[in-house]
Amino acid sequence: MIDFYSESLLNKLFETNARFNTKIDLDKVEKAIFYAQKYHGQQKRDTGELYYTHPLEVAYMVADYSFETDTIITAILHDTFEDTKLTKERIRYEFGANIAEQVSDLTRVRDNKKISAMEMIQILRNQNKTELLLIKLFDRFHNITTIFIKPPQKR
């Protein structure tokens, strides 16, 4: 389904390709949007918005700093392992091993326990995974900009 968030991201990437002569694969990005919408389904954020709008907002911000198709798709799918039934195997099949590994690297469940966002940022920094660090920082930024909606005990 093409909605405001999807259309905004796709238009931005189209304009980026034209302006900077980049080769962002818009068909592949659109496929990732479909998977984010399908697997996040009717999940809602505390803001009341459908959950999939969050990773699309993150991808929109990431696209200002990365023209890599895989990085943008990873941003779109970054919460799917933790929050949906989309599997690493399915992502590998649909999008390739690189994206599956990147989404896995952004998953905060490690050794059957959830690590904090700060621990995740430190891990990515220590591993010099710049593109993934960019995604995680914009993920945190977007969460912080919408935190006022959450009850105080969840902030």
C-alpha atoms as a PDB file:
ATOM      1  CA  MET A   1       0.000   0.000   0.000  1.00  0.00           C
ATOM      2  CA  ILE A   2       1.429   3.356  -0.986  1.00  0.00           C
ATOM      3  CA  ASP A   3       0.656   5.882   1.724  1.00  0.00           C
ATOM      4  CA  PHE A   4       2.120   9.243   2.707  1.00  0.00           C
ATOM      5  CA  TYR A   5       5.210   7.737   4.405  1.00  0.00           C
ATOM      6  CA  SER A   6       5.938   5.284   1.600  1.00  0.00           C
ATOM      7  CA  GLU A   7       5.387   7.874  -1.093  1.00  0.00           C
ATOM      8  CA  SER A   8       7.577  10.444   0.685  1.00  0.00           C
ATOM      9  CA  LEU A   9      10.451   7.980   0.997  1.00  0.00           C
ATOM     10  CA  LEU A  10      10.168   6.722  -2.583  1.00  0.00           C
ATOM     11  CA  ASN A  11       9.950  10.281  -3.958  1.00  0.00           C
ATOM     12  CA  LYS A  12      13.012  11.304  -1.962  1.00  0.00           C
ATOM     13  CA  LEU A  13      14.990   8.319  -3.276  1.00  0.00           C
ATOM     14  CA  PHE A  14      13.831   8.976  -6.847  1.00  0.00           C
ATOM     15  CA  GLU A  15      14.998  12.588  -6.543  1.00  0.00           C
ATOM     16  CA  THR A  16      18.283  11.439  -4.985  1.00  0.00           C
ATOM     17  CA  ASN A  17      18.907   9.109  -7.931  1.00  0.00           C
ATOM     18  CA  ALA A  18      18.215  11.928 -10.394  1.00  0.00           C
ATOM     19  CA  ARG A  19      20.150  14.627  -8.569  1.00  0.00           C
ATOM     20  CA  PHE A  20      23.255  12.651  -7.594  1.00  0.00           C
ATOM     21  CA  ASN A  21      23.202  10.033 -10.356  1.00  0.00           C
ATOM     22  CA  THR A  22      22.950   7.257  -7.765  1.00  0.00           C
ATOM     23  CA  LYS A  23      21.548   3.788  -8.329  1.00  0.00           C
ATOM     24  CA  ILE A  24      19.245   3.214  -5.354  1.00  0.00           C
ATOM     25  CA  ASP A  25      17.044   0.259  -6.377  1.00  0.00           C
ATOM     26  CA  LEU A  26      13.543   1.690  -5.928  1.00  0.00           C
ATOM     27  CA  ASP A  27      11.828  -1.608  -6.756  1.00  0.00           C
ATOM     28  CA  LYS A  28      13.763  -3.354  -4.008  1.00  0.00           C
ATOM     29  CA  VAL A  29      13.006  -0.517  -1.577  1.00  0.00           C
ATOM     30  CA  GLU A  30       9.310  -0.730  -2.454  1.00  0.00           C
ATOM     31  CA  LYS A  31       9.436  -4.480  -1.786  1.00  0.00           C
ATOM     32  CA  ALA A  32      10.959  -3.791   1.650  1.00  0.00           C
ATOM     33  CA  ILE A  33       8.187  -1.290   2.380  1.00  0.00           C
ATOM     34  CA  PHE A  34       5.643  -3.969   1.481  1.00  0.00           C
ATOM     35  CA  TYR A  35       7.299  -6.415   3.899  1.00  0.00           C
ATOM     36  CA  ALA A  36       7.429  -3.828   6.695  1.00  0.00           C
ATOM     37  CA  GLN A  37       3.745  -3.053   6.202  1.00  0.00           C
ATOM     38  CA  LYS A  38       2.775  -6.714   5.927  1.00  0.00           C
ATOM     39  CA  TYR A  39       4.692  -7.991   8.940  1.00  0.00           C
ATOM     40  CA  HIS A  40       4.140  -5.025  11.258  1.00  0.00           C
ATOM     41  CA  GLY A  41       0.492  -5.238  10.203  1.00  0.00           C
ATOM     42  CA  GLN A  42      -1.810  -3.379  12.550  1.00  0.00           C
ATOM     43  CA  GLN A  43       0.793  -2.917  15.314  1.00  0.00           C
ATOM     44  CA  LYS A  44       0.537   0.590  16.716  1.00  0.00           C
ATOM     45  CA  ARG A  45       3.056   2.935  18.241  1.00  0.00           C
ATOM     46  CA  ASP A  46       2.265   4.777  21.455  1.00  0.00           C
ATOM     47  CA  THR A  47       1.468   7.752  19.206  1.00  0.00           C
ATOM     48  CA  GLY A  48      -1.419   5.772  17.702  1.00  0.00           C
ATOM     49  CA  GLU A  49       0.276   5.592  14.297  1.00  0.00           C
ATOM     50  CA  LEU A  50       0.744   2.274  12.558  1.00  0.00           C
ATOM     51  CA  TYR A  51       4.123   0.903  13.626  1.00  0.00           C
ATOM     52  CA  TYR A  52       5.580   0.527  10.139  1.00  0.00           C
ATOM     53  CA  THR A  53       5.638   4.330   9.812  1.00  0.00           C
ATOM     54  CA  HIS A  54       8.536   4.406  12.308  1.00  0.00           C
ATOM     55  CA  PRO A  55      11.032   2.414  10.193  1.00  0.00           C
ATOM     56  CA  LEU A  56       9.988   4.398   7.126  1.00  0.00           C
ATOM     57  CA  GLU A  57      10.747   7.634   8.992  1.00  0.00           C
ATOM     58  CA  VAL A  58      14.114   6.190  10.037  1.00  0.00           C
ATOM     59  CA  ALA A  59      14.887   5.210   6.426  1.00  0.00           C
ATOM     60  CA  TYR A  60      13.885   8.702   5.278  1.00  0.00           C
ATOM     61  CA  MET A  61      16.456  10.246   7.628  1.00  0.00           C
ATOM     62  CA  VAL A  62      19.131   7.665   6.754  1.00  0.00           C
ATOM     63  CA  ALA A  63      18.687   8.483   3.056  1.00  0.00           C
ATOM     64  CA  ASP A  64      20.181  11.927   3.689  1.00  0.00           C
ATOM     65  CA  TYR A  65      23.495  10.262   4.564  1.00  0.00           C
ATOM     66  CA  SER A  66      23.576   6.992   2.642  1.00  0.00           C
ATOM     67  CA  PHE A  67      22.784   6.261  -0.989  1.00  0.00           C
ATOM     68  CA  GLU A  68      23.192   2.509  -0.500  1.00  0.00           C
ATOM     69  CA  THR A  69      20.121   0.419  -1.289  1.00  0.00           C
ATOM     70  CA  ASP A  70      21.045  -2.190   1.333  1.00  0.00           C
ATOM     71  CA  THR A  71      21.379   0.424   4.079  1.00  0.00           C
ATOM     72  CA  ILE A  72      18.009   1.980   3.286  1.00  0.00           C
ATOM     73  CA  ILE A  73      16.322  -1.436   3.187  1.00  0.00           C
ATOM     74  CA  THR A  74      17.976  -2.407   6.469  1.00  0.00           C
ATOM     75  CA  ALA A  75      16.536   0.766   8.012  1.00  0.00           C
ATOM     76  CA  ILE A  76      13.070  -0.180   6.736  1.00  0.00           C
ATOM     77  CA  LEU A  77      13.336  -3.704   8.166  1.00  0.00           C
ATOM     78  CA  HIS A  78      15.340  -2.875  11.316  1.00  0.00           C
ATOM     79  CA  ASP A  79      12.642  -3.840  13.844  1.00  0.00           C
ATOM     80  CA  THR A  80      11.209  -6.868  12.082  1.00  0.00           C
ATOM     81  CA  PHE A  81      13.154  -9.574  13.948  1.00  0.00           C
ATOM     82  CA  GLU A  82      12.226  -8.205  17.358  1.00  0.00           C
ATOM     83  CA  ASP A  83       8.653  -7.150  16.688  1.00  0.00           C
ATOM     84  CA  THR A  84       7.258  -9.435  13.961  1.00  0.00           C
ATOM     85  CA  LYS A  85       7.334 -12.996  12.695  1.00  0.00           C
ATOM     86  CA  LEU A  86       9.557 -12.125   9.735  1.00  0.00           C
ATOM     87  CA  THR A  87      12.569 -14.426   9.932  1.00  0.00           C
ATOM     88  CA  LYS A  88      16.202 -13.966   9.049  1.00  0.00           C
ATOM     89  CA  GLU A  89      15.858 -16.787   6.532  1.00  0.00           C
ATOM     90  CA  ARG A  90      12.978 -15.028   4.775  1.00  0.00           C
ATOM     91  CA  ILE A  91      14.892 -11.741   4.631  1.00  0.00           C
ATOM     92  CA  ARG A  92      17.927 -13.591   3.278  1.00  0.00           C
ATOM     93  CA  TYR A  93      15.750 -15.206   0.588  1.00  0.00           C
ATOM     94  CA  GLU A  94      13.965 -11.978  -0.388  1.00  0.00           C
ATOM     95  CA  PHE A  95      16.751  -9.405   0.040  1.00  0.00           C
ATOM     96  CA  GLY A  96      20.072 -11.238   0.325  1.00  0.00           C
ATOM     97  CA  ALA A  97      22.512 -12.290   3.031  1.00  0.00           C
ATOM     98  CA  ASN A  98      23.944  -8.805   3.592  1.00  0.00           C
ATOM     99  CA  ILE A  99      20.605  -7.253   4.542  1.00  0.00           C
ATOM    100  CA  ALA A 100      19.669 -10.276   6.676  1.00  0.00           C
ATOM    101  CA  GLU A 101      22.939  -9.932   8.605  1.00  0.00           C
ATOM    102  CA  GLN A 102      22.556  -6.186   9.011  1.00  0.00           C
ATOM    103  CA  VAL A 103      19.006  -6.504  10.364  1.00  0.00           C
ATOM    104  CA  SER A 104      20.256  -9.224  12.704  1.00  0.00           C
ATOM    105  CA  ASP A 105      23.090  -6.962  13.891  1.00  0.00           C
ATOM    106  CA  LEU A 106      20.504  -4.305  14.795  1.00  0.00           C
ATOM    107  CA  THR A 107      18.459  -6.715  16.894  1.00  0.00           C
ATOM    108  CA  ARG A 108      18.729  -5.896  20.583  1.00  0.00           C
ATOM    109  CA  VAL A 109      18.116  -9.447  21.752  1.00  0.00           C
ATOM    110  CA  ARG A 110      21.491 -11.040  22.410  1.00  0.00           C
ATOM    111  CA  ASP A 111      22.013 -14.380  24.139  1.00  0.00           C
ATOM    112  CA  ASN A 112      18.286 -14.507  24.974  1.00  0.00           C
ATOM    113  CA  LYS A 113      18.278 -11.155  26.769  1.00  0.00           C
ATOM    114  CA  LYS A 114      17.438  -7.691  25.528  1.00  0.00           C
ATOM    115  CA  ILE A 115      20.280  -5.196  25.659  1.00  0.00           C
ATOM    116  CA  SER A 116      19.789  -1.454  26.022  1.00  0.00           C
ATOM    117  CA  ALA A 117      19.897   0.934  23.100  1.00  0.00           C
ATOM    118  CA  MET A 118      23.108   2.426  24.505  1.00  0.00           C
ATOM    119  CA  GLU A 119      24.733  -1.016  24.646  1.00  0.00           C
ATOM    120  CA  MET A 120      23.695  -1.591  21.032  1.00  0.00           C
ATOM    121  CA  ILE A 121      25.195   1.735  19.958  1.00  0.00           C
ATOM    122  CA  GLN A 122      28.449   0.886  21.747  1.00  0.00           C
ATOM    123  CA  ILE A 123      28.614  -2.551  20.088  1.00  0.00           C
ATOM    124  CA  LEU A 124      28.070  -1.069  16.624  1.00  0.00           C
ATOM    125  CA  ARG A 125      30.652   1.640  17.307  1.00  0.00           C
ATOM    126  CA  ASN A 126      33.222  -0.883  18.536  1.00  0.00           C
ATOM    127  CA  GLN A 127      32.629  -3.037  15.455  1.00  0.00           C
ATOM    128  CA  ASN A 128      33.002   0.032  13.204  1.00  0.00           C
ATOM    129  CA  LYS A 129      29.631  -0.649  11.553  1.00  0.00           C
ATOM    130  CA  THR A 130      29.076   2.942  10.485  1.00  0.00           C
ATOM    131  CA  GLU A 131      25.976   2.397   8.340  1.00  0.00           C
ATOM    132  CA  LEU A 132      24.268   0.397  11.088  1.00  0.00           C
ATOM    133  CA  LEU A 133      25.259   2.962  13.694  1.00  0.00           C
ATOM    134  CA  LEU A 134      23.632   5.608  11.506  1.00  0.00           C
ATOM    135  CA  ILE A 135      20.398   3.568  11.415  1.00  0.00           C
ATOM    136  CA  LYS A 136      20.440   2.999  15.173  1.00  0.00           C
ATOM    137  CA  LEU A 137      21.071   6.665  15.946  1.00  0.00           C
ATOM    138  CA  PHE A 138      18.188   7.776  13.725  1.00  0.00           C
ATOM    139  CA  ASP A 139      16.037   5.048  15.291  1.00  0.00           C
ATOM    140  CA  ARG A 140      16.777   6.510  18.729  1.00  0.00           C
ATOM    141  CA  PHE A 141      16.280  10.063  17.459  1.00  0.00           C
ATOM    142  CA  HIS A 142      12.852   9.240  16.039  1.00  0.00           C
ATOM    143  CA  ASN A 143      11.877   7.450  19.253  1.00  0.00           C
ATOM    144  CA  ILE A 144      12.989  10.448  21.311  1.00  0.00           C
ATOM    145  CA  THR A 145      10.998  12.881  19.169  1.00  0.00           C
ATOM    146  CA  THR A 146       7.838  10.890  19.895  1.00  0.00           C
ATOM    147  CA  ILE A 147       8.539  10.087  23.570  1.00  0.00           C
ATOM    148  CA  PHE A 148       6.163  12.762  24.883  1.00  0.00           C
ATOM    149  CA  ILE A 149       3.254  10.475  23.953  1.00  0.00           C
ATOM    150  CA  LYS A 150       4.408   7.691  26.306  1.00  0.00           C
ATOM    151  CA  PRO A 151       3.330   7.571  29.925  1.00  0.00           C
ATOM    152  CA  PRO A 152       6.150   8.755  32.266  1.00  0.00           C
ATOM    153  CA  GLN A 153       6.866   5.239  33.578  1.00  0.00           C
ATOM    154  CA  LYS A 154       7.656   4.028  30.024  1.00  0.00           C
ATOM    155  CA  ARG A 155       9.977   6.904  29.041  1.00  0.00           C
END
